[in-house]
Amino acid sequence: MVELLFIGSVVGLLSGFFGIGGGTLLVPLLLLSGFDIKSAVGISVVQMVFSSIYGSYLNQKKGTLDISMVFIIGVGGFLGAFLSGYIAVFVPSIVLESIFFSFVLFALGRLFFQVKEVPEQKEVSKFILFPIGIVIGLFSMLVGVGGSIMLVPILVGFLHVPLKRATSAGLFFVVFSSVSGLISHTINGHIDYFSGVVIGLASLVGVYIGIHLKHKTSNEISKRLLMFFYICIVIYLAYRIFFHSNP
């Protein structure tokens, strides 16, 4: 119980600060604690429901959440995430871990190659945003992440959304994907509710602190910290997949 509470608090803090659902950190921590990948994904989905809803509420109060911008992507994410629980049944654990690894590499690469933020946002057709949401929702819920790990780099790198607004939008997207993923994975029996609820409740404290710190930190420092965070996850997953993999 103490271990779960600690993990939840740390994951919540990083979720609020970086605008992620928390699964990017939670899934590797649960794997390190002895859970298998599918159980870790189920627990992560429960935690994301708690952190994303509460975090989005706090971001809305602080005026950094542009609901209209991410709503269409979110609806697509809901649909994609719902399909994930049915697909996960047929996907081997090593494939799920490899997809997770690819997610983190993608996000890290976008942060490295994004030279600067552009002051004006691009206007993008809703017909493009909707399928983007479906794809992100589908693959993110397969591996227990909310999708913001891909969405935030897309918003910053391609749509020129300021980083703090992008992280707020990313966390709001997780509301759609995590609720849908929770329904889908519950139907398919992948959820350890006790561990998920304990971690989820503990994460609320961390989310509050993380969002407060985000608004006190410059964009440049936030970006450097996010890059360091992704690098640590990449190193751990590379070791797990290539040197300590299970069939």
C-alpha atoms as a PDB file:
ATOM      1  CA  MET A   1       0.000   0.000   0.000  1.00  0.00           C
ATOM      2  CA  VAL A   2       2.787   2.454   0.918  1.00  0.00           C
ATOM      3  CA  GLU A   3       4.578   1.661  -2.340  1.00  0.00           C
ATOM      4  CA  LEU A   4       1.402   2.242  -4.355  1.00  0.00           C
ATOM      5  CA  LEU A   5       0.733   5.569  -2.588  1.00  0.00           C
ATOM      6  CA  PHE A   6       4.293   6.742  -3.265  1.00  0.00           C
ATOM      7  CA  ILE A   7       4.147   5.714  -6.915  1.00  0.00           C
ATOM      8  CA  GLY A   8       0.798   7.479  -7.312  1.00  0.00           C
ATOM      9  CA  SER A   9       2.088  10.733  -5.806  1.00  0.00           C
ATOM     10  CA  VAL A  10       5.192  10.826  -8.017  1.00  0.00           C
ATOM     11  CA  VAL A  11       3.257   9.925 -11.151  1.00  0.00           C
ATOM     12  CA  GLY A  12       0.636  12.580 -10.377  1.00  0.00           C
ATOM     13  CA  LEU A  13       3.279  15.271  -9.913  1.00  0.00           C
ATOM     14  CA  LEU A  14       4.881  14.504 -13.279  1.00  0.00           C
ATOM     15  CA  SER A  15       1.447  14.190 -14.902  1.00  0.00           C
ATOM     16  CA  GLY A  16       0.462  17.685 -13.812  1.00  0.00           C
ATOM     17  CA  PHE A  17       3.835  19.252 -14.615  1.00  0.00           C
ATOM     18  CA  PHE A  18       4.368  17.713 -18.053  1.00  0.00           C
ATOM     19  CA  GLY A  19       0.713  17.436 -19.108  1.00  0.00           C
ATOM     20  CA  ILE A  20       0.931  13.673 -19.533  1.00  0.00           C
ATOM     21  CA  GLY A  21      -1.542  11.034 -18.404  1.00  0.00           C
ATOM     22  CA  GLY A  22       1.060   9.438 -16.147  1.00  0.00           C
ATOM     23  CA  GLY A  23       1.302   6.089 -17.908  1.00  0.00           C
ATOM     24  CA  THR A  24       4.659   7.003 -19.430  1.00  0.00           C
ATOM     25  CA  LEU A  25       6.163   6.736 -15.957  1.00  0.00           C
ATOM     26  CA  LEU A  26       3.635   4.489 -14.223  1.00  0.00           C
ATOM     27  CA  VAL A  27       3.868   1.546 -16.620  1.00  0.00           C
ATOM     28  CA  PRO A  28       7.689   1.240 -16.294  1.00  0.00           C
ATOM     29  CA  LEU A  29       7.446   1.602 -12.496  1.00  0.00           C
ATOM     30  CA  LEU A  30       4.831  -1.145 -12.314  1.00  0.00           C
ATOM     31  CA  LEU A  31       6.926  -3.368 -14.566  1.00  0.00           C
ATOM     32  CA  LEU A  32       9.867  -2.737 -12.248  1.00  0.00           C
ATOM     33  CA  SER A  33       7.624  -3.681  -9.296  1.00  0.00           C
ATOM     34  CA  GLY A  34       6.804  -7.076 -10.817  1.00  0.00           C
ATOM     35  CA  PHE A  35       3.513  -6.488 -12.669  1.00  0.00           C
ATOM     36  CA  ASP A  36       3.172  -7.884 -16.183  1.00  0.00           C
ATOM     37  CA  ILE A  37       2.616  -5.435 -19.033  1.00  0.00           C
ATOM     38  CA  LYS A  38      -1.145  -6.021 -19.415  1.00  0.00           C
ATOM     39  CA  SER A  39      -1.828  -5.599 -15.669  1.00  0.00           C
ATOM     40  CA  ALA A  40       0.358  -2.474 -15.650  1.00  0.00           C
ATOM     41  CA  VAL A  41      -1.604  -1.044 -18.583  1.00  0.00           C
ATOM     42  CA  GLY A  42      -4.927  -1.658 -16.797  1.00  0.00           C
ATOM     43  CA  ILE A  43      -3.755   0.021 -13.576  1.00  0.00           C
ATOM     44  CA  SER A  44      -2.338   2.918 -15.597  1.00  0.00           C
ATOM     45  CA  VAL A  45      -5.688   3.498 -17.322  1.00  0.00           C
ATOM     46  CA  VAL A  46      -7.458   3.843 -13.948  1.00  0.00           C
ATOM     47  CA  GLN A  47      -4.836   6.298 -12.682  1.00  0.00           C
ATOM     48  CA  MET A  48      -5.127   8.392 -15.837  1.00  0.00           C
ATOM     49  CA  VAL A  49      -8.861   8.886 -15.328  1.00  0.00           C
ATOM     50  CA  PHE A  50      -8.180  10.436 -11.910  1.00  0.00           C
ATOM     51  CA  SER A  51      -5.217  12.619 -12.909  1.00  0.00           C
ATOM     52  CA  SER A  52      -6.537  13.850 -16.268  1.00  0.00           C
ATOM     53  CA  ILE A  53      -9.967  14.948 -15.018  1.00  0.00           C
ATOM     54  CA  TYR A  54      -8.592  16.713 -11.940  1.00  0.00           C
ATOM     55  CA  GLY A  55      -5.644  18.194 -13.816  1.00  0.00           C
ATOM     56  CA  SER A  56      -7.843  19.529 -16.622  1.00  0.00           C
ATOM     57  CA  TYR A  57     -10.117  21.151 -14.036  1.00  0.00           C
ATOM     58  CA  LEU A  58      -7.106  22.930 -12.510  1.00  0.00           C
ATOM     59  CA  ASN A  59      -5.795  24.000 -15.941  1.00  0.00           C
ATOM     60  CA  GLN A  60      -9.216  25.397 -16.831  1.00  0.00           C
ATOM     61  CA  LYS A  61      -9.217  27.473 -13.627  1.00  0.00           C
ATOM     62  CA  LYS A  62      -5.771  28.842 -14.519  1.00  0.00           C
ATOM     63  CA  GLY A  63      -6.923  29.763 -18.047  1.00  0.00           C
ATOM     64  CA  THR A  64      -4.478  27.596 -20.026  1.00  0.00           C
ATOM     65  CA  LEU A  65      -6.971  25.049 -21.383  1.00  0.00           C
ATOM     66  CA  ASP A  66      -8.355  25.682 -24.879  1.00  0.00           C
ATOM     67  CA  ILE A  67     -11.185  23.144 -24.927  1.00  0.00           C
ATOM     68  CA  SER A  68     -12.349  23.894 -28.481  1.00  0.00           C
ATOM     69  CA  MET A  69      -8.888  23.195 -29.915  1.00  0.00           C
ATOM     70  CA  VAL A  70      -8.613  19.668 -28.551  1.00  0.00           C
ATOM     71  CA  PHE A  71     -12.273  18.581 -28.421  1.00  0.00           C
ATOM     72  CA  ILE A  72     -12.337  17.091 -31.949  1.00  0.00           C
ATOM     73  CA  ILE A  73      -9.058  15.244 -31.343  1.00  0.00           C
ATOM     74  CA  GLY A  74     -10.486  14.060 -28.030  1.00  0.00           C
ATOM     75  CA  VAL A  75     -13.595  12.575 -29.635  1.00  0.00           C
ATOM     76  CA  GLY A  76     -11.378  10.704 -32.095  1.00  0.00           C
ATOM     77  CA  GLY A  77      -9.224   9.575 -29.180  1.00  0.00           C
ATOM     78  CA  PHE A  78     -12.293   8.225 -27.380  1.00  0.00           C
ATOM     79  CA  LEU A  79     -13.160   6.052 -30.378  1.00  0.00           C
ATOM     80  CA  GLY A  80      -9.611   4.801 -30.878  1.00  0.00           C
ATOM     81  CA  ALA A  81      -9.136   4.066 -27.174  1.00  0.00           C
ATOM     82  CA  PHE A  82     -12.353   2.061 -27.044  1.00  0.00           C
ATOM     83  CA  LEU A  83     -11.035  -0.279 -29.747  1.00  0.00           C
ATOM     84  CA  SER A  84      -7.752  -0.810 -27.869  1.00  0.00           C
ATOM     85  CA  GLY A  85      -9.115  -3.187 -25.222  1.00  0.00           C
ATOM     86  CA  TYR A  86     -10.311  -5.615 -27.878  1.00  0.00           C
ATOM     87  CA  ILE A  87      -7.051  -5.475 -29.828  1.00  0.00           C
ATOM     88  CA  ALA A  88      -4.806  -5.851 -26.732  1.00  0.00           C
ATOM     89  CA  VAL A  89      -6.094  -9.409 -26.199  1.00  0.00           C
ATOM     90  CA  PHE A  90      -4.307 -10.565 -29.352  1.00  0.00           C
ATOM     91  CA  VAL A  91      -1.035  -8.615 -28.978  1.00  0.00           C
ATOM     92  CA  PRO A  92       1.990 -10.281 -27.273  1.00  0.00           C
ATOM     93  CA  SER A  93       3.567  -8.455 -24.303  1.00  0.00           C
ATOM     94  CA  ILE A  94       6.883  -7.856 -26.076  1.00  0.00           C
ATOM     95  CA  VAL A  95       5.040  -6.134 -28.933  1.00  0.00           C
ATOM     96  CA  LEU A  96       3.215  -3.861 -26.467  1.00  0.00           C
ATOM     97  CA  GLU A  97       6.492  -2.930 -24.785  1.00  0.00           C
ATOM     98  CA  SER A  98       8.054  -2.203 -28.190  1.00  0.00           C
ATOM     99  CA  ILE A  99       5.133   0.065 -29.141  1.00  0.00           C
ATOM    100  CA  PHE A 100       5.530   1.871 -25.823  1.00  0.00           C
ATOM    101  CA  PHE A 101       9.257   2.286 -26.527  1.00  0.00           C
ATOM    102  CA  SER A 102       8.455   3.756 -29.955  1.00  0.00           C
ATOM    103  CA  PHE A 103       6.037   6.256 -28.387  1.00  0.00           C
ATOM    104  CA  VAL A 104       8.713   7.612 -26.074  1.00  0.00           C
ATOM    105  CA  LEU A 105      11.318   7.790 -28.862  1.00  0.00           C
ATOM    106  CA  PHE A 106       8.878   9.730 -31.042  1.00  0.00           C
ATOM    107  CA  ALA A 107       8.124  12.259 -28.307  1.00  0.00           C
ATOM    108  CA  LEU A 108      11.801  12.650 -27.441  1.00  0.00           C
ATOM    109  CA  GLY A 109      12.770  13.121 -31.071  1.00  0.00           C
ATOM    110  CA  ARG A 110      10.187  15.859 -31.601  1.00  0.00           C
ATOM    111  CA  LEU A 111      11.492  17.752 -28.568  1.00  0.00           C
ATOM    112  CA  PHE A 112      15.103  17.511 -29.795  1.00  0.00           C
ATOM    113  CA  PHE A 113      14.359  18.646 -33.325  1.00  0.00           C
ATOM    114  CA  GLN A 114      11.840  21.352 -32.432  1.00  0.00           C
ATOM    115  CA  VAL A 115      14.074  24.424 -32.582  1.00  0.00           C
ATOM    116  CA  LYS A 116      11.712  27.087 -31.281  1.00  0.00           C
ATOM    117  CA  GLU A 117       8.095  27.867 -30.564  1.00  0.00           C
ATOM    118  CA  VAL A 118       6.276  29.948 -33.154  1.00  0.00           C
ATOM    119  CA  PRO A 119       4.034  32.769 -31.879  1.00  0.00           C
ATOM    120  CA  GLU A 120       1.073  32.049 -34.184  1.00  0.00           C
ATOM    121  CA  GLN A 121      -0.909  28.790 -34.113  1.00  0.00           C
ATOM    122  CA  LYS A 122      -1.781  27.077 -37.376  1.00  0.00           C
ATOM    123  CA  GLU A 123      -5.403  26.437 -38.239  1.00  0.00           C
ATOM    124  CA  VAL A 124      -5.957  22.778 -39.089  1.00  0.00           C
ATOM    125  CA  SER A 125      -9.070  21.158 -40.548  1.00  0.00           C
ATOM    126  CA  LYS A 126     -11.252  19.179 -38.158  1.00  0.00           C
ATOM    127  CA  PHE A 127     -11.232  16.384 -40.737  1.00  0.00           C
ATOM    128  CA  ILE A 128      -7.497  16.008 -40.049  1.00  0.00           C
ATOM    129  CA  LEU A 129      -7.725  16.360 -36.263  1.00  0.00           C
ATOM    130  CA  PHE A 130     -10.353  13.618 -35.866  1.00  0.00           C
ATOM    131  CA  PRO A 131      -8.341  10.744 -37.445  1.00  0.00           C
ATOM    132  CA  ILE A 132      -5.220  11.962 -35.601  1.00  0.00           C
ATOM    133  CA  GLY A 133      -7.194  11.482 -32.390  1.00  0.00           C
ATOM    134  CA  ILE A 134      -8.310   7.966 -33.408  1.00  0.00           C
ATOM    135  CA  VAL A 135      -4.751   6.818 -34.119  1.00  0.00           C
ATOM    136  CA  ILE A 136      -3.306   8.347 -30.948  1.00  0.00           C
ATOM    137  CA  GLY A 137      -6.145   6.988 -28.802  1.00  0.00           C
ATOM    138  CA  LEU A 138      -5.833   3.470 -30.226  1.00  0.00           C
ATOM    139  CA  PHE A 139      -2.091   3.025 -29.838  1.00  0.00           C
ATOM    140  CA  SER A 140      -1.768   4.945 -26.575  1.00  0.00           C
ATOM    141  CA  MET A 141      -4.352   2.843 -24.732  1.00  0.00           C
ATOM    142  CA  LEU A 142      -2.740  -0.348 -26.025  1.00  0.00           C
ATOM    143  CA  VAL A 143       0.292   0.479 -23.891  1.00  0.00           C
ATOM    144  CA  GLY A 144      -1.367   2.371 -21.041  1.00  0.00           C
ATOM    145  CA  VAL A 145      -0.426   5.965 -21.853  1.00  0.00           C
ATOM    146  CA  GLY A 146      -2.932   8.743 -22.316  1.00  0.00           C
ATOM    147  CA  GLY A 147      -1.782   9.881 -25.749  1.00  0.00           C
ATOM    148  CA  SER A 148      -0.412  13.276 -24.755  1.00  0.00           C
ATOM    149  CA  ILE A 149       3.093  11.851 -25.153  1.00  0.00           C
ATOM    150  CA  MET A 150       2.379  12.036 -28.899  1.00  0.00           C
ATOM    151  CA  LEU A 151      -0.157  14.866 -28.952  1.00  0.00           C
ATOM    152  CA  VAL A 152       1.962  17.498 -27.164  1.00  0.00           C
ATOM    153  CA  PRO A 153       4.883  17.234 -29.648  1.00  0.00           C
ATOM    154  CA  ILE A 154       2.382  17.371 -32.542  1.00  0.00           C
ATOM    155  CA  LEU A 155       0.700  20.501 -31.137  1.00  0.00           C
ATOM    156  CA  VAL A 156       4.017  22.251 -30.462  1.00  0.00           C
ATOM    157  CA  GLY A 157       5.988  21.014 -33.463  1.00  0.00           C
ATOM    158  CA  PHE A 158       3.387  21.097 -36.229  1.00  0.00           C
ATOM    159  CA  LEU A 159       0.553  23.383 -35.045  1.00  0.00           C
ATOM    160  CA  HIS A 160       2.830  25.882 -33.233  1.00  0.00           C
ATOM    161  CA  VAL A 161       0.848  25.813 -29.984  1.00  0.00           C
ATOM    162  CA  PRO A 162       2.752  27.336 -26.997  1.00  0.00           C
ATOM    163  CA  LEU A 163       4.166  24.585 -24.768  1.00  0.00           C
ATOM    164  CA  LYS A 164       2.105  25.342 -21.648  1.00  0.00           C
ATOM    165  CA  ARG A 165      -1.149  25.445 -23.623  1.00  0.00           C
ATOM    166  CA  ALA A 166      -0.124  22.262 -25.438  1.00  0.00           C
ATOM    167  CA  THR A 167       0.510  20.398 -22.170  1.00  0.00           C
ATOM    168  CA  SER A 168      -2.898  21.527 -20.870  1.00  0.00           C
ATOM    169  CA  ALA A 169      -4.527  20.321 -24.113  1.00  0.00           C
ATOM    170  CA  GLY A 170      -2.619  17.039 -23.878  1.00  0.00           C
ATOM    171  CA  LEU A 171      -3.936  16.345 -20.392  1.00  0.00           C
ATOM    172  CA  PHE A 172      -7.496  17.150 -21.501  1.00  0.00           C
ATOM    173  CA  PHE A 173      -7.126  14.685 -24.388  1.00  0.00           C
ATOM    174  CA  VAL A 174      -6.259  12.035 -21.787  1.00  0.00           C
ATOM    175  CA  VAL A 175      -9.743  12.494 -20.247  1.00  0.00           C
ATOM    176  CA  PHE A 176     -11.295  11.168 -23.463  1.00  0.00           C
ATOM    177  CA  SER A 177      -8.797   8.382 -24.104  1.00  0.00           C
ATOM    178  CA  SER A 178      -8.562   7.143 -20.505  1.00  0.00           C
ATOM    179  CA  VAL A 179     -12.319   7.011 -19.835  1.00  0.00           C
ATOM    180  CA  SER A 180     -12.865   5.156 -23.102  1.00  0.00           C
ATOM    181  CA  GLY A 181      -9.901   2.883 -22.429  1.00  0.00           C
ATOM    182  CA  LEU A 182     -11.222   2.128 -18.942  1.00  0.00           C
ATOM    183  CA  ILE A 183     -14.559   0.990 -20.383  1.00  0.00           C
ATOM    184  CA  SER A 184     -12.882  -1.119 -23.056  1.00  0.00           C
ATOM    185  CA  HIS A 185     -10.303  -2.782 -20.782  1.00  0.00           C
ATOM    186  CA  THR A 186     -12.942  -3.440 -18.100  1.00  0.00           C
ATOM    187  CA  ILE A 187     -15.100  -5.290 -20.620  1.00  0.00           C
ATOM    188  CA  ASN A 188     -12.066  -7.401 -21.514  1.00  0.00           C
ATOM    189  CA  GLY A 189     -11.051  -8.021 -17.866  1.00  0.00           C
ATOM    190  CA  HIS A 190      -7.667  -6.264 -17.789  1.00  0.00           C
ATOM    191  CA  ILE A 191      -8.186  -3.986 -14.746  1.00  0.00           C
ATOM    192  CA  ASP A 192      -6.767  -4.363 -11.212  1.00  0.00           C
ATOM    193  CA  TYR A 193      -9.133  -1.839  -9.644  1.00  0.00           C
ATOM    194  CA  PHE A 194      -7.688  -1.889  -6.118  1.00  0.00           C
ATOM    195  CA  SER A 195      -4.159  -0.923  -7.195  1.00  0.00           C
ATOM    196  CA  GLY A 196      -5.506   1.490  -9.805  1.00  0.00           C
ATOM    197  CA  VAL A 197      -7.772   3.371  -7.385  1.00  0.00           C
ATOM    198  CA  VAL A 198      -5.076   3.604  -4.669  1.00  0.00           C
ATOM    199  CA  ILE A 199      -2.552   4.981  -7.153  1.00  0.00           C
ATOM    200  CA  GLY A 200      -5.202   7.222  -8.729  1.00  0.00           C
ATOM    201  CA  LEU A 201      -6.226   8.837  -5.430  1.00  0.00           C
ATOM    202  CA  ALA A 202      -2.595   9.383  -4.417  1.00  0.00           C
ATOM    203  CA  SER A 203      -1.886  10.957  -7.793  1.00  0.00           C
ATOM    204  CA  LEU A 204      -4.385  13.775  -7.156  1.00  0.00           C
ATOM    205  CA  VAL A 205      -2.043  15.326  -4.590  1.00  0.00           C
ATOM    206  CA  GLY A 206       0.841  15.088  -7.028  1.00  0.00           C
ATOM    207  CA  VAL A 207      -1.214  16.572  -9.873  1.00  0.00           C
ATOM    208  CA  TYR A 208      -2.054  19.648  -7.797  1.00  0.00           C
ATOM    209  CA  ILE A 209       1.613  20.242  -6.956  1.00  0.00           C
ATOM    210  CA  GLY A 210       2.761  19.519 -10.527  1.00  0.00           C
ATOM    211  CA  ILE A 211       0.367  21.993 -12.152  1.00  0.00           C
ATOM    212  CA  HIS A 212       1.316  24.665  -9.605  1.00  0.00           C
ATOM    213  CA  LEU A 213       5.017  24.134 -10.410  1.00  0.00           C
ATOM    214  CA  LYS A 214       4.332  24.179 -14.173  1.00  0.00           C
ATOM    215  CA  HIS A 215       2.941  27.690 -13.991  1.00  0.00           C
ATOM    216  CA  LYS A 216       5.985  28.834 -12.002  1.00  0.00           C
ATOM    217  CA  THR A 217       8.492  27.385 -14.481  1.00  0.00           C
ATOM    218  CA  SER A 218       9.704  28.854 -17.782  1.00  0.00           C
ATOM    219  CA  ASN A 219       8.969  27.038 -21.037  1.00  0.00           C
ATOM    220  CA  GLU A 220      12.660  26.399 -21.669  1.00  0.00           C
ATOM    221  CA  ILE A 221      13.220  24.731 -18.304  1.00  0.00           C
ATOM    222  CA  SER A 222      10.004  22.711 -18.743  1.00  0.00           C
ATOM    223  CA  LYS A 223      11.249  21.496 -22.122  1.00  0.00           C
ATOM    224  CA  ARG A 224      14.670  20.484 -20.772  1.00  0.00           C
ATOM    225  CA  LEU A 225      13.114  18.601 -17.868  1.00  0.00           C
ATOM    226  CA  LEU A 226      10.698  16.818 -20.212  1.00  0.00           C
ATOM    227  CA  MET A 227      13.592  15.766 -22.457  1.00  0.00           C
ATOM    228  CA  PHE A 228      15.518  14.403 -19.461  1.00  0.00           C
ATOM    229  CA  PHE A 229      12.417  12.525 -18.331  1.00  0.00           C
ATOM    230  CA  TYR A 230      11.944  10.876 -21.738  1.00  0.00           C
ATOM    231  CA  ILE A 231      15.642   9.933 -21.953  1.00  0.00           C
ATOM    232  CA  CYS A 232      15.420   8.088 -18.617  1.00  0.00           C
ATOM    233  CA  ILE A 233      12.358   6.149 -19.802  1.00  0.00           C
ATOM    234  CA  VAL A 234      14.041   5.282 -23.133  1.00  0.00           C
ATOM    235  CA  ILE A 235      17.121   3.895 -21.355  1.00  0.00           C
ATOM    236  CA  TYR A 236      15.027   1.726 -19.040  1.00  0.00           C
ATOM    237  CA  LEU A 237      12.769   0.373 -21.804  1.00  0.00           C
ATOM    238  CA  ALA A 238      15.717  -0.299 -24.118  1.00  0.00           C
ATOM    239  CA  TYR A 239      17.335  -2.375 -21.370  1.00  0.00           C
ATOM    240  CA  ARG A 240      14.085  -4.226 -20.683  1.00  0.00           C
ATOM    241  CA  ILE A 241      13.290  -5.000 -24.330  1.00  0.00           C
ATOM    242  CA  PHE A 242      16.755  -5.777 -25.701  1.00  0.00           C
ATOM    243  CA  PHE A 243      18.536  -7.244 -22.689  1.00  0.00           C
ATOM    244  CA  HIS A 244      15.838  -8.543 -20.335  1.00  0.00           C
ATOM    245  CA  SER A 245      12.881  -9.370 -22.581  1.00  0.00           C
ATOM    246  CA  ASN A 246      10.393 -12.141 -21.929  1.00  0.00           C
ATOM    247  CA  PRO A 247       8.461 -13.926 -24.678  1.00  0.00           C
END
